[in-house]
Protein backbone atom coordinates (compact mmCIF):
# COMPACT_ATOMS: atom_id res chain seq x y z
CA UNK A 1 -17.98 -12.03 -13.37
CA UNK A 2 -15.30 -9.79 -14.82
CA UNK A 3 -13.27 -7.51 -12.60
CA UNK A 4 -13.77 -4.56 -14.93
CA UNK A 5 -17.54 -4.86 -14.53
CA UNK A 6 -16.99 -3.65 -10.97
CA UNK A 7 -14.02 -1.30 -11.21
CA UNK A 8 -14.04 2.03 -12.99
CA UNK A 9 -10.41 2.24 -14.03
CA UNK A 10 -8.29 1.58 -17.10
CA UNK A 11 -6.31 -1.68 -17.27
CA UNK A 12 -3.00 -1.61 -15.45
CA UNK A 13 0.30 -1.69 -17.36
CA UNK A 14 -1.43 -1.72 -20.72
CA UNK A 15 1.71 -0.02 -22.06
CA UNK A 16 4.14 -2.53 -20.55
CA UNK A 17 6.86 -3.88 -22.84
CA UNK A 18 5.81 -6.84 -24.95
CA UNK A 19 6.83 -10.26 -23.59
CA UNK A 20 9.29 -10.86 -26.43
CA UNK A 21 11.00 -7.52 -25.75
CA UNK A 22 11.60 -8.52 -22.13
CA UNK A 23 12.42 -12.24 -22.27
CA UNK A 24 13.05 -12.97 -25.94
CA UNK A 25 16.20 -15.03 -26.43
CA UNK A 26 16.79 -15.36 -22.67
CA UNK A 27 16.58 -18.26 -20.25
CA UNK A 28 13.85 -17.74 -17.66
CA UNK A 29 13.09 -19.53 -14.37
CA UNK A 30 9.69 -19.20 -12.67
CA UNK A 31 9.15 -20.45 -9.12
CA UNK A 32 5.62 -21.32 -8.09
CA UNK A 33 4.99 -21.91 -11.77
CA UNK A 34 1.88 -23.97 -11.11
CA UNK A 35 0.20 -21.29 -9.01
CA UNK A 36 -2.28 -18.69 -10.18
CA UNK A 37 0.28 -16.04 -11.15
CA UNK A 38 3.04 -18.42 -12.18
CA UNK A 39 0.82 -20.44 -14.50
CA UNK A 40 -0.59 -17.33 -16.18
CA UNK A 41 2.91 -15.94 -16.68
CA UNK A 42 4.07 -19.30 -18.04
CA UNK A 43 1.28 -19.44 -20.61
CA UNK A 44 2.01 -15.87 -21.70
CA UNK A 45 5.72 -16.56 -22.16
CA UNK A 46 5.04 -19.78 -24.04
CA UNK A 47 2.68 -17.99 -26.40
CA UNK A 48 4.48 -14.68 -26.83
CA UNK A 49 7.87 -14.70 -25.10
CA UNK A 50 10.15 -16.55 -27.51
CA UNK A 51 12.49 -17.39 -24.64
CA UNK A 52 15.69 -19.35 -25.10
CA UNK A 53 14.52 -21.70 -22.37
CA UNK A 54 11.86 -21.87 -19.67
CA UNK A 55 12.44 -23.64 -16.34
CA UNK A 56 9.22 -24.14 -14.37
CA UNK A 57 9.64 -24.91 -10.67
CA UNK A 58 6.92 -25.97 -8.24
CA UNK A 59 6.62 -28.17 -5.15
CA UNK A 60 2.99 -29.15 -5.81
CA UNK A 61 2.97 -32.29 -7.95
CA UNK A 62 -0.63 -31.86 -9.13
CA UNK A 63 -0.06 -28.24 -10.15
CA UNK A 64 3.11 -29.07 -12.03
CA UNK A 65 1.39 -31.94 -13.84
CA UNK A 66 -1.45 -29.62 -14.87
CA UNK A 67 1.11 -27.12 -16.11
CA UNK A 68 2.83 -29.83 -18.13
CA UNK A 69 -0.47 -30.49 -19.88
CA UNK A 70 -0.74 -26.79 -20.74
CA UNK A 71 2.81 -26.80 -22.08
CA UNK A 72 2.11 -29.80 -24.30
CA UNK A 73 -1.11 -28.28 -25.68
CA UNK A 74 0.55 -24.97 -26.50
CA UNK A 75 3.36 -26.72 -28.35
CA UNK A 76 6.09 -24.21 -27.42
CA UNK A 77 9.06 -23.57 -29.63
CA UNK A 78 11.32 -22.85 -26.65
CA UNK A 79 12.95 -25.51 -24.54
CA UNK A 80 10.77 -26.09 -21.48
CA UNK A 81 11.81 -28.04 -18.41
CA UNK A 82 9.77 -28.77 -15.30
CA UNK A 83 11.33 -29.27 -11.87
CA UNK A 84 9.46 -30.71 -8.88
CA UNK A 85 11.48 -28.83 -6.27
CA UNK A 86 10.65 -27.11 -2.99
CA UNK A 87 12.02 -23.56 -2.96
CA UNK A 88 12.89 -24.10 0.72
CA UNK A 89 15.53 -26.60 -0.41
CA UNK A 90 18.37 -24.14 -0.94
CA UNK A 91 20.81 -26.78 -2.21
CA UNK A 92 18.36 -28.10 -4.80
CA UNK A 93 17.52 -24.59 -6.00
CA UNK A 94 21.18 -23.67 -6.32
CA UNK A 95 21.81 -26.88 -8.28
CA UNK A 96 18.99 -25.96 -10.67
CA UNK A 97 20.45 -22.51 -11.22
CA UNK A 98 23.92 -23.93 -11.86
CA UNK A 99 22.60 -26.56 -14.25
CA UNK A 100 20.30 -24.37 -16.32
CA UNK A 101 21.89 -20.91 -15.89
CA UNK A 102 18.74 -18.77 -16.15
CA UNK A 103 19.28 -15.11 -16.89
CA UNK A 104 15.92 -13.97 -15.50
CA UNK A 105 14.15 -15.31 -12.40
CA UNK A 106 10.57 -14.57 -11.34
CA UNK A 107 9.90 -15.71 -7.78
CA UNK A 108 6.15 -16.18 -7.33
CA UNK A 109 6.31 -19.16 -4.94
CA UNK A 110 4.84 -18.33 -1.54
CA UNK A 111 2.35 -19.42 1.06
CA UNK A 112 -0.54 -16.96 0.70
CA UNK A 113 -3.46 -18.01 2.92
CA UNK A 114 -3.71 -15.39 5.64
CA UNK A 115 -5.82 -17.19 8.31
CA UNK A 116 -3.99 -20.51 7.93
CA UNK A 117 -0.51 -19.00 8.27
CA UNK A 118 -1.40 -17.34 11.57
CA UNK A 119 -0.92 -20.75 13.21
CA UNK A 120 1.91 -21.98 10.94
CA UNK A 121 4.65 -19.51 11.80
CA UNK A 122 7.87 -21.51 11.18
CA UNK A 123 6.54 -22.84 7.86
CA UNK A 124 5.53 -19.35 6.73
CA UNK A 125 8.91 -17.90 7.68
CA UNK A 126 10.79 -20.71 5.92
CA UNK A 127 8.78 -20.51 2.71
CA UNK A 128 8.15 -16.79 2.35
CA UNK A 129 11.23 -15.20 3.91
CA UNK A 130 14.16 -17.61 4.18
CA UNK A 131 13.59 -19.25 0.78
CA UNK A 132 13.62 -15.79 -0.79
CA UNK A 133 16.89 -14.90 0.93
CA UNK A 134 18.48 -18.16 -0.22
CA UNK A 135 17.24 -17.68 -3.77
CA UNK A 136 18.65 -14.15 -3.95
CA UNK A 137 22.00 -15.45 -2.69
CA UNK A 138 21.98 -18.25 -5.26
CA UNK A 139 21.10 -15.86 -8.08
CA UNK A 140 24.04 -13.64 -7.16
CA UNK A 141 26.53 -16.50 -7.54
CA UNK A 142 25.15 -18.26 -10.63
CA UNK A 143 25.00 -15.51 -13.23
CA UNK A 144 21.36 -14.45 -12.95
CA UNK A 145 20.97 -10.94 -14.41
CA UNK A 146 17.61 -10.00 -12.88
CA UNK A 147 15.44 -11.54 -10.14
CA UNK A 148 11.97 -10.21 -9.34
CA UNK A 149 10.21 -11.23 -6.13
CA UNK A 150 6.42 -11.03 -6.01
CA UNK A 151 5.20 -9.32 -2.85
CA UNK A 152 1.78 -8.25 -1.64
CA UNK A 153 -0.16 -5.34 -0.21
CA UNK A 154 -0.28 -7.34 3.04
CA UNK A 155 3.44 -6.60 3.51
CA UNK A 156 2.58 -2.93 4.10
CA UNK A 157 2.76 -2.29 7.86
CA UNK A 158 1.86 -5.97 8.36
CA UNK A 159 -0.62 -7.27 10.91
CA UNK A 160 -0.49 -10.93 9.81
CA UNK A 161 2.18 -13.62 9.67
CA UNK A 162 1.79 -13.65 5.89
CA UNK A 163 2.34 -9.92 5.70
CA UNK A 164 5.29 -10.00 8.11
CA UNK A 165 7.08 -12.79 6.23
CA UNK A 166 6.55 -11.06 2.89
CA UNK A 167 7.84 -7.81 4.36
CA UNK A 168 10.99 -9.69 5.42
CA UNK A 169 11.32 -10.82 1.80
CA UNK A 170 11.04 -7.18 0.70
CA UNK A 171 13.72 -6.16 3.20
CA UNK A 172 16.00 -8.89 1.85
CA UNK A 173 15.58 -7.39 -1.63
CA UNK A 174 16.24 -3.86 -0.39
CA UNK A 175 19.35 -5.01 1.50
CA UNK A 176 20.72 -7.17 -1.33
CA UNK A 177 23.95 -6.05 -3.01
CA UNK A 178 23.27 -4.06 -6.15
CA UNK A 179 25.47 -6.41 -8.19
CA UNK A 180 26.00 -8.85 -9.82
CA UNK A 181 22.26 -9.66 -9.83
CA UNK A 182 19.68 -6.90 -10.12
CA UNK A 183 17.11 -7.81 -7.43
CA UNK A 184 13.71 -6.19 -7.17
CA UNK A 185 10.24 -6.77 -5.76
CA UNK A 186 6.76 -5.81 -6.85
CA UNK A 187 3.70 -5.51 -4.64
CA UNK A 188 0.55 -6.89 -6.18
CA UNK A 189 -2.98 -6.53 -4.89
CA UNK A 190 -5.31 -9.53 -4.74
CA UNK A 191 -5.26 -11.34 -8.07
CA UNK A 192 -8.84 -11.64 -9.29
CA UNK A 193 -10.01 -15.25 -9.28
CA UNK A 194 -6.82 -16.71 -7.81
CA UNK A 195 -7.17 -19.91 -5.83
CA UNK A 196 -8.13 -19.44 -2.21
CA UNK A 197 -9.30 -15.87 -2.75
CA UNK A 198 -12.75 -14.48 -2.13
CA UNK A 199 -14.07 -14.59 -5.72
CA UNK A 200 -13.82 -18.38 -6.28
CA UNK A 201 -15.06 -18.96 -2.72
CA UNK A 202 -18.17 -16.92 -3.41
CA UNK A 203 -18.61 -18.65 -6.78
CA UNK A 204 -18.42 -22.12 -5.21
CA UNK A 205 -21.02 -21.18 -2.59
CA UNK A 206 -23.39 -19.83 -5.23
CA UNK A 207 -22.99 -22.96 -7.36
CA UNK A 208 -23.69 -25.18 -4.33
CA UNK A 209 -26.66 -23.11 -3.21
CA UNK A 210 -24.98 -22.14 0.05
CA UNK A 211 -25.05 -18.68 1.63
CA UNK A 212 -22.00 -16.54 0.97
CA UNK A 213 -19.74 -16.37 4.03
CA UNK A 214 -18.89 -12.66 4.17
CA UNK A 215 -16.41 -11.54 6.79
CA UNK A 216 -17.49 -7.90 6.99
CA UNK A 217 -19.56 -5.99 4.40
CA UNK A 218 -17.42 -2.88 4.97
CA UNK A 219 -14.13 -4.71 4.39
CA UNK A 220 -12.39 -3.55 1.23
CA UNK A 221 -9.83 -5.22 -0.97
CA UNK A 222 -7.80 -4.10 -3.98
CA UNK A 223 -7.72 -6.31 -7.05
CA UNK A 224 -5.73 -6.79 -10.22
CA UNK A 225 -6.75 -9.00 -13.12
CA UNK A 226 -4.49 -11.97 -13.92
CA UNK A 227 -3.46 -10.47 -17.24
CA UNK A 228 -2.59 -7.22 -15.44
CA UNK A 229 -0.38 -9.13 -12.99
CA UNK A 230 1.54 -10.64 -15.89
CA UNK A 231 2.06 -7.27 -17.56
CA UNK A 232 3.21 -5.77 -14.25
CA UNK A 233 5.75 -8.57 -13.80
CA UNK A 234 7.09 -8.03 -17.29
CA UNK A 235 7.38 -4.30 -16.66
CA UNK A 236 9.17 -4.95 -13.37
CA UNK A 237 11.65 -7.24 -15.10
CA UNK A 238 12.31 -4.61 -17.74
CA UNK A 239 12.14 -1.31 -15.86
CA UNK A 240 12.88 -2.05 -12.23
CA UNK A 241 16.13 -0.82 -10.74
CA UNK A 242 18.38 -2.92 -8.49
CA UNK A 243 17.33 -3.03 -4.85
CA UNK A 244 13.93 -1.39 -5.17
CA UNK A 245 10.25 -2.16 -4.71
CA UNK A 246 7.56 -1.36 -7.24
CA UNK A 247 3.85 -1.38 -6.45
CA UNK A 248 0.66 -1.38 -8.45
CA UNK A 249 -1.86 1.42 -8.13
CA UNK A 250 -5.07 -0.58 -8.53
CA UNK A 251 -7.44 2.34 -8.04
CA UNK A 252 -10.30 2.54 -5.53
CA UNK A 253 -10.75 -0.56 -3.37
CA UNK A 254 -13.80 -2.75 -3.73
CA UNK A 255 -16.19 -3.33 -0.83
CA UNK A 256 -16.64 -7.05 -0.26
CA UNK A 257 -20.31 -6.43 0.50
CA UNK A 258 -20.73 -4.88 -2.95
CA UNK A 259 -18.87 -7.81 -4.51
CA UNK A 260 -21.14 -10.34 -2.79
CA UNK A 261 -24.30 -8.52 -3.92
CA UNK A 262 -23.00 -8.20 -7.49
CA UNK A 263 -22.14 -11.90 -7.77
CA UNK A 264 -25.51 -12.92 -6.35
CA UNK A 265 -27.30 -10.58 -8.73
CA UNK A 266 -25.41 -11.97 -11.71
CA UNK A 267 -26.44 -15.48 -10.63
CA UNK A 268 -30.09 -14.37 -10.29
CA UNK A 269 -30.24 -14.57 -6.49
CA UNK A 270 -31.55 -11.67 -4.41
CA UNK A 271 -29.29 -10.83 -1.49
CA UNK A 272 -31.24 -11.63 1.68
CA UNK A 273 -29.43 -11.34 5.00
CA UNK A 274 -29.16 -14.69 6.73
CA UNK A 275 -30.26 -16.59 3.63
CA UNK A 276 -27.84 -15.68 0.89
CA UNK A 277 -25.23 -13.80 2.94
CA UNK A 278 -23.92 -14.82 6.36
CA UNK A 279 -21.63 -12.49 8.28
CA UNK A 280 -18.78 -14.16 10.12
CA UNK A 281 -16.44 -11.32 11.04
CA UNK A 282 -12.84 -10.83 10.01
CA UNK A 283 -10.79 -14.01 10.09
CA UNK A 284 -7.43 -14.35 11.88
CA UNK A 285 -4.79 -12.08 10.35
CA UNK A 286 -7.25 -10.09 8.23
CA UNK A 287 -7.78 -6.37 8.48
CA UNK A 288 -10.62 -4.20 7.33
CA UNK A 289 -8.62 -2.32 4.71
CA UNK A 290 -5.34 -2.88 2.87
CA UNK A 291 -2.97 -0.29 1.43
CA UNK A 292 -0.23 -0.36 -1.19
CA UNK A 293 2.06 2.15 0.54
CA UNK A 294 3.14 2.57 4.16
CA UNK A 295 2.74 5.88 5.94
CA UNK A 296 6.44 6.64 5.47
CA UNK A 297 6.44 5.69 1.76
CA UNK A 298 5.39 7.50 -1.38
CA UNK A 299 4.86 6.23 -4.89
CA UNK A 300 6.53 7.69 -7.97
CA UNK A 301 5.29 6.73 -11.47
CA UNK A 302 7.77 4.66 -13.46
CA UNK A 303 6.37 5.40 -16.90
CA UNK A 304 4.06 2.39 -17.14
CA UNK A 305 0.41 3.01 -16.34
CA UNK A 306 -0.55 2.00 -12.82
CA UNK A 307 2.96 1.06 -11.67
CA UNK A 308 4.74 3.03 -8.94
CA UNK A 309 8.26 3.11 -7.58
CA UNK A 310 8.13 2.88 -3.78
CA UNK A 311 10.22 5.57 -2.16
CA UNK A 312 10.77 5.09 1.55
CA UNK A 313 13.41 4.67 4.26
CA UNK A 314 16.03 2.07 3.38
CA UNK A 315 16.73 -0.76 5.82
CA UNK A 316 19.91 -1.28 7.80
CA UNK A 317 21.51 -4.17 5.91
CA UNK A 318 23.34 -5.50 8.96
CA UNK A 319 20.12 -5.46 10.99
CA UNK A 320 18.28 -7.33 8.23
CA UNK A 321 20.99 -10.00 8.19
CA UNK A 322 20.79 -10.38 11.98
CA UNK A 323 17.02 -10.77 11.77
CA UNK A 324 17.35 -13.39 9.04
CA UNK A 325 19.84 -15.30 11.20
CA UNK A 326 17.43 -15.20 14.14
CA UNK A 327 14.59 -16.44 11.98
CA UNK A 328 16.76 -19.20 10.57
CA UNK A 329 17.65 -20.46 14.06
CA UNK A 330 14.01 -20.40 15.13
CA UNK A 331 12.85 -22.31 12.05
CA UNK A 332 15.60 -24.90 12.48
CA UNK A 333 14.21 -25.61 15.97
CA UNK A 334 10.56 -25.38 14.86
CA UNK A 335 10.29 -22.61 17.44
CA UNK A 336 7.14 -20.62 16.69
CA UNK A 337 7.63 -18.33 19.68
CA UNK A 338 11.21 -17.55 18.65
CA UNK A 339 10.14 -16.87 15.07
CA UNK A 340 7.38 -14.50 16.21
CA UNK A 341 9.79 -12.70 18.52
CA UNK A 342 12.29 -12.30 15.67
CA UNK A 343 9.59 -10.91 13.37
CA UNK A 344 8.47 -8.50 16.05
CA UNK A 345 12.01 -7.23 16.60
CA UNK A 346 12.65 -6.91 12.87
CA UNK A 347 9.36 -5.13 12.09
CA UNK A 348 8.48 -2.30 14.46
CA UNK A 349 4.72 -2.12 14.85
CA UNK A 350 4.08 -5.77 14.04
CA UNK A 351 2.04 -7.39 16.81
CA UNK A 352 1.22 -11.10 16.46
CA UNK A 353 -2.49 -11.83 16.44
CA UNK A 354 -4.49 -14.02 18.78
CA UNK A 355 -4.30 -17.11 16.57
CA UNK A 356 -0.50 -16.90 16.43
CA UNK A 357 -0.19 -16.43 20.17
CA UNK A 358 -2.50 -19.37 20.79
CA UNK A 359 -0.47 -21.57 18.43
CA UNK A 360 2.68 -20.62 20.34
CA UNK A 361 0.98 -21.43 23.64
CA UNK A 362 -0.17 -24.81 22.33
CA UNK A 363 3.34 -25.64 21.14
CA UNK A 364 4.77 -24.75 24.55
CA UNK A 365 2.18 -26.86 26.31
CA UNK A 366 2.85 -29.85 24.05
CA UNK A 367 6.57 -29.63 24.78
CA UNK A 368 6.21 -29.67 28.54
CA UNK A 369 7.60 -32.85 30.11
CA UNK A 370 5.06 -35.39 31.27
């Protein structure tokens, strides 16, 4: 099923600069290159970017191997290198930047599974927040001209560990020095068909003849097509200002109940409660509705269709650095409770969910002396 069969809106960023105009003749590094967004961006740059060099970084061996196969089939003219590196390894990432001297960096690497991360707090903080901070620092000292961090609608007034850690990454961008590297972030909605998201889960259930596990028929989500995400990233690289966040305006949200019925209808199955659709309730960390802007933010068009400049209160840079230091100490000690406390202090309004509190309680119980 195509996203545009369900959404009545024009494609986002259809007027974004062409790939060659943004990256042509430049060295580009993509983190999370084997993931849904990173791989799509990689294929686009190989086909249309005419880069001076492409460095593809991922920690997942299988994903990087699959990406290598894509690279070989496309037969790129640019120099392409693959690096099996964990973005949490700050020393290894800095060494890559020093060795290859990319001019543009697109940071897509992140943990993204909302329910899972509720019980994996130190890992989520290390991967989504601290790795971003370290990468921004490394970019600033190795000659990177522009670094764009991919964020998410879940960072808006977060209620989940995923959202909170991605909001910390946004704050790091906002608090970064304006020079020598131009740092920016862009909030994407759910990427249609990305791994782990609702669309492939529904598709797998239909193919296996299982009922669709629907959390709540009234839950809504905002979606962007993969090709839209790539165009938005290119526009953010080209048009974004230092130390700012851009956000997509994906139009009206889509009810998950409507999505389930549409996918069943396309497959020729009538939607019968209890037989083809099973309601399970919202999962840990999920909320009924997502938004692209916080209550104290407003969006200003940037001149590319569907892309907004987020205008809101700026963070206290010293406070952000203190919060990052607190998070770093907690992660170093694998202290889930300390990491949650630091997130709560850094993000007014963030309240850890039940799954996170239970994980903290289990960790405390396991550490009690016999």
